[in-house]
Amino acid sequence: MYTLAVTLLVIVSIALIVVVLLQSGKSAGLSGAISGGAEQLFGKQKARGIDLILHRVTIVLSVLFFVLTIAVTFFSDKLS
């Protein structure tokens, strides 16, 4: 059970890193700093659907990460 939990933890960790890196930042570099106020005033609709999906996947993966971390700690205490 410990080996399964550690394996799942590694997979979830890598997936969480990839999903976080795929998300766009609040301001996309220098152009975001210059036009950031206008985007908030008029609304930014570019790729809103994919950002919402990535946000939800990040939440699910982060909850799985914490649950698996606690499980690995629990199982490692049982082994020793």
N, C-alpha and C. Protein backbone atom coordinates (compact mmCIF):
# COMPACT_ATOMS: atom_id res chain seq x y z
N MET A 1 0.82 -1.19 0.00
CA MET A 1 0.00 0.00 0.00
C MET A 1 0.87 1.25 0.00
N TYR A 2 1.98 1.20 0.73
CA TYR A 2 2.91 2.33 0.78
C TYR A 2 3.47 2.63 -0.60
N THR A 3 3.86 1.58 -1.33
CA THR A 3 4.43 1.76 -2.67
C THR A 3 3.41 2.37 -3.63
N LEU A 4 2.17 1.95 -3.54
CA LEU A 4 1.11 2.51 -4.37
C LEU A 4 0.89 3.99 -4.06
N ALA A 5 0.89 4.33 -2.78
CA ALA A 5 0.67 5.72 -2.39
C ALA A 5 1.82 6.61 -2.86
N VAL A 6 3.05 6.12 -2.75
CA VAL A 6 4.20 6.90 -3.20
C VAL A 6 4.18 7.06 -4.72
N THR A 7 3.83 6.01 -5.43
CA THR A 7 3.75 6.08 -6.89
C THR A 7 2.69 7.08 -7.32
N LEU A 8 1.52 7.03 -6.71
CA LEU A 8 0.47 7.99 -7.03
C LEU A 8 0.88 9.41 -6.66
N LEU A 9 1.62 9.57 -5.57
CA LEU A 9 2.08 10.89 -5.16
C LEU A 9 3.04 11.48 -6.19
N VAL A 10 3.92 10.66 -6.73
CA VAL A 10 4.85 11.15 -7.75
C VAL A 10 4.09 11.55 -9.02
N ILE A 11 3.13 10.74 -9.42
CA ILE A 11 2.35 11.04 -10.63
C ILE A 11 1.53 12.32 -10.45
N VAL A 12 0.88 12.46 -9.29
CA VAL A 12 0.09 13.66 -9.03
C VAL A 12 0.98 14.89 -8.93
N SER A 13 2.17 14.74 -8.36
CA SER A 13 3.10 15.87 -8.26
C SER A 13 3.53 16.36 -9.63
N ILE A 14 3.88 15.45 -10.52
CA ILE A 14 4.29 15.83 -11.87
C ILE A 14 3.13 16.46 -12.62
N ALA A 15 1.94 15.90 -12.48
CA ALA A 15 0.76 16.47 -13.14
C ALA A 15 0.45 17.87 -12.61
N LEU A 16 0.60 18.07 -11.31
CA LEU A 16 0.35 19.38 -10.72
C LEU A 16 1.35 20.41 -11.22
N ILE A 17 2.60 20.04 -11.35
CA ILE A 17 3.61 20.95 -11.89
C ILE A 17 3.27 21.33 -13.32
N VAL A 18 2.88 20.36 -14.13
CA VAL A 18 2.57 20.62 -15.54
C VAL A 18 1.35 21.53 -15.66
N VAL A 19 0.31 21.28 -14.87
CA VAL A 19 -0.90 22.08 -14.96
C VAL A 19 -0.64 23.51 -14.51
N VAL A 20 0.16 23.69 -13.47
CA VAL A 20 0.47 25.05 -13.00
C VAL A 20 1.28 25.79 -14.05
N LEU A 21 2.20 25.11 -14.71
CA LEU A 21 3.00 25.77 -15.74
C LEU A 21 2.19 26.09 -16.99
N LEU A 22 1.12 25.35 -17.25
CA LEU A 22 0.28 25.62 -18.41
C LEU A 22 -0.62 26.83 -18.23
N GLN A 23 -0.86 27.23 -16.99
CA GLN A 23 -1.75 28.36 -16.74
C GLN A 23 -1.09 29.67 -17.14
N SER A 24 -1.90 30.57 -17.67
CA SER A 24 -1.38 31.89 -18.01
C SER A 24 -1.35 32.74 -16.75
N GLY A 25 -0.38 33.64 -16.70
CA GLY A 25 -0.23 34.49 -15.54
C GLY A 25 -1.26 35.61 -15.54
N LYS A 26 -1.30 36.36 -14.43
CA LYS A 26 -2.22 37.49 -14.34
C LYS A 26 -1.85 38.56 -15.36
N SER A 27 -0.57 38.83 -15.50
CA SER A 27 -0.12 39.77 -16.52
C SER A 27 0.94 39.07 -17.35
N ALA A 28 0.74 39.05 -18.64
CA ALA A 28 1.64 38.30 -19.53
C ALA A 28 2.84 39.16 -19.90
N GLY A 29 3.76 39.32 -18.96
CA GLY A 29 4.98 40.05 -19.23
C GLY A 29 4.77 41.55 -19.29
N LEU A 30 5.60 42.22 -20.08
CA LEU A 30 5.57 43.68 -20.18
C LEU A 30 4.29 44.17 -20.84
N SER A 31 3.78 43.44 -21.83
CA SER A 31 2.54 43.86 -22.49
C SER A 31 1.36 43.79 -21.53
N GLY A 32 1.39 42.86 -20.62
CA GLY A 32 0.33 42.76 -19.62
C GLY A 32 0.41 43.89 -18.61
N ALA A 33 1.63 44.36 -18.33
CA ALA A 33 1.78 45.47 -17.39
C ALA A 33 1.27 46.76 -18.01
N ILE A 34 1.45 46.92 -19.31
CA ILE A 34 1.02 48.15 -19.99
C ILE A 34 -0.49 48.14 -20.22
N SER A 35 -1.02 47.03 -20.71
CA SER A 35 -2.44 46.99 -21.05
C SER A 35 -3.28 46.30 -19.98
N GLY A 36 -2.71 46.02 -18.82
CA GLY A 36 -3.43 45.30 -17.77
C GLY A 36 -4.66 46.03 -17.28
N GLY A 37 -4.57 47.35 -17.14
CA GLY A 37 -5.72 48.12 -16.68
C GLY A 37 -6.85 48.11 -17.68
N ALA A 38 -6.53 48.16 -18.96
CA ALA A 38 -7.56 48.15 -19.99
C ALA A 38 -8.26 46.80 -20.05
N GLU A 39 -7.52 45.73 -19.83
CA GLU A 39 -8.13 44.40 -19.84
C GLU A 39 -9.09 44.23 -18.68
N GLN A 40 -8.77 44.79 -17.54
CA GLN A 40 -9.67 44.68 -16.40
C GLN A 40 -10.88 45.58 -16.58
N LEU A 41 -10.70 46.72 -17.25
CA LEU A 41 -11.80 47.64 -17.46
C LEU A 41 -12.80 47.09 -18.48
N PHE A 42 -12.28 46.57 -19.59
CA PHE A 42 -13.16 46.10 -20.66
C PHE A 42 -13.42 44.60 -20.61
N GLY A 43 -12.70 43.90 -19.77
CA GLY A 43 -12.89 42.45 -19.63
C GLY A 43 -12.02 41.68 -20.60
N LYS A 44 -11.40 40.65 -20.10
CA LYS A 44 -10.54 39.81 -20.94
C LYS A 44 -11.25 38.50 -21.16
N GLN A 45 -11.62 38.19 -22.39
CA GLN A 45 -12.36 36.98 -22.71
C GLN A 45 -11.52 35.94 -23.43
N LYS A 46 -10.26 36.24 -23.67
CA LYS A 46 -9.41 35.32 -24.43
C LYS A 46 -9.10 34.07 -23.60
N ALA A 47 -9.47 32.93 -24.14
CA ALA A 47 -9.16 31.62 -23.56
C ALA A 47 -9.66 31.49 -22.12
N ARG A 48 -10.82 32.02 -21.84
CA ARG A 48 -11.36 31.94 -20.49
C ARG A 48 -11.78 30.51 -20.14
N GLY A 49 -12.27 29.77 -21.11
CA GLY A 49 -12.71 28.40 -20.85
C GLY A 49 -11.59 27.49 -20.42
N ILE A 50 -10.46 27.55 -21.12
CA ILE A 50 -9.33 26.69 -20.79
C ILE A 50 -8.71 27.10 -19.46
N ASP A 51 -8.72 28.40 -19.15
CA ASP A 51 -8.20 28.85 -17.86
C ASP A 51 -9.06 28.33 -16.72
N LEU A 52 -10.36 28.30 -16.91
CA LEU A 52 -11.27 27.79 -15.89
C LEU A 52 -11.06 26.30 -15.67
N ILE A 53 -10.89 25.56 -16.75
CA ILE A 53 -10.64 24.11 -16.64
C ILE A 53 -9.31 23.85 -15.93
N LEU A 54 -8.27 24.59 -16.31
CA LEU A 54 -6.96 24.41 -15.66
C LEU A 54 -7.03 24.78 -14.18
N HIS A 55 -7.81 25.79 -13.86
CA HIS A 55 -7.96 26.19 -12.46
C HIS A 55 -8.62 25.07 -11.65
N ARG A 56 -9.66 24.48 -12.19
CA ARG A 56 -10.36 23.40 -11.48
C ARG A 56 -9.49 22.15 -11.36
N VAL A 57 -8.74 21.84 -12.41
CA VAL A 57 -7.84 20.68 -12.37
C VAL A 57 -6.75 20.91 -11.33
N THR A 58 -6.26 22.15 -11.22
CA THR A 58 -5.25 22.48 -10.22
C THR A 58 -5.79 22.26 -8.81
N ILE A 59 -7.02 22.66 -8.57
CA ILE A 59 -7.62 22.47 -7.25
C ILE A 59 -7.74 20.98 -6.92
N VAL A 60 -8.21 20.19 -7.87
CA VAL A 60 -8.37 18.75 -7.64
C VAL A 60 -7.02 18.09 -7.40
N LEU A 61 -6.02 18.45 -8.21
CA LEU A 61 -4.69 17.85 -8.04
C LEU A 61 -4.04 18.27 -6.72
N SER A 62 -4.27 19.50 -6.29
CA SER A 62 -3.68 19.93 -5.04
C SER A 62 -4.31 19.22 -3.84
N VAL A 63 -5.62 19.00 -3.89
CA VAL A 63 -6.28 18.24 -2.82
C VAL A 63 -5.76 16.80 -2.81
N LEU A 64 -5.64 16.19 -3.98
CA LEU A 64 -5.08 14.84 -4.06
C LEU A 64 -3.65 14.79 -3.53
N PHE A 65 -2.87 15.82 -3.84
CA PHE A 65 -1.49 15.88 -3.37
C PHE A 65 -1.43 15.85 -1.84
N PHE A 66 -2.26 16.68 -1.20
CA PHE A 66 -2.24 16.73 0.26
C PHE A 66 -2.77 15.44 0.89
N VAL A 67 -3.80 14.86 0.31
CA VAL A 67 -4.33 13.61 0.83
C VAL A 67 -3.30 12.48 0.69
N LEU A 68 -2.65 12.43 -0.47
CA LEU A 68 -1.64 11.39 -0.68
C LEU A 68 -0.42 11.60 0.21
N THR A 69 -0.05 12.85 0.46
CA THR A 69 1.08 13.12 1.35
C THR A 69 0.78 12.64 2.76
N ILE A 70 -0.44 12.90 3.22
CA ILE A 70 -0.83 12.42 4.54
C ILE A 70 -0.88 10.90 4.56
N ALA A 71 -1.36 10.28 3.49
CA ALA A 71 -1.42 8.82 3.41
C ALA A 71 -0.02 8.21 3.43
N VAL A 72 0.91 8.79 2.70
CA VAL A 72 2.28 8.28 2.68
C VAL A 72 2.90 8.39 4.07
N THR A 73 2.66 9.50 4.74
CA THR A 73 3.17 9.67 6.10
C THR A 73 2.56 8.63 7.05
N PHE A 74 1.27 8.41 6.91
CA PHE A 74 0.58 7.42 7.76
C PHE A 74 1.13 6.02 7.52
N PHE A 75 1.29 5.65 6.25
CA PHE A 75 1.78 4.30 5.94
C PHE A 75 3.25 4.13 6.31
N SER A 76 4.04 5.21 6.22
CA SER A 76 5.46 5.08 6.58
C SER A 76 5.62 4.91 8.08
N ASP A 77 4.70 5.50 8.87
CA ASP A 77 4.74 5.29 10.32
C ASP A 77 4.37 3.86 10.68
N LYS A 78 3.48 3.25 9.89
CA LYS A 78 3.08 1.87 10.15
C LYS A 78 4.19 0.89 9.83
N LEU A 79 5.07 1.27 8.88
CA LEU A 79 6.15 0.36 8.49
C LEU A 79 7.25 0.30 9.56
N SER A 80 7.49 1.39 10.22
CA SER A 80 8.60 1.41 11.19
C SER A 80 8.18 1.09 12.60
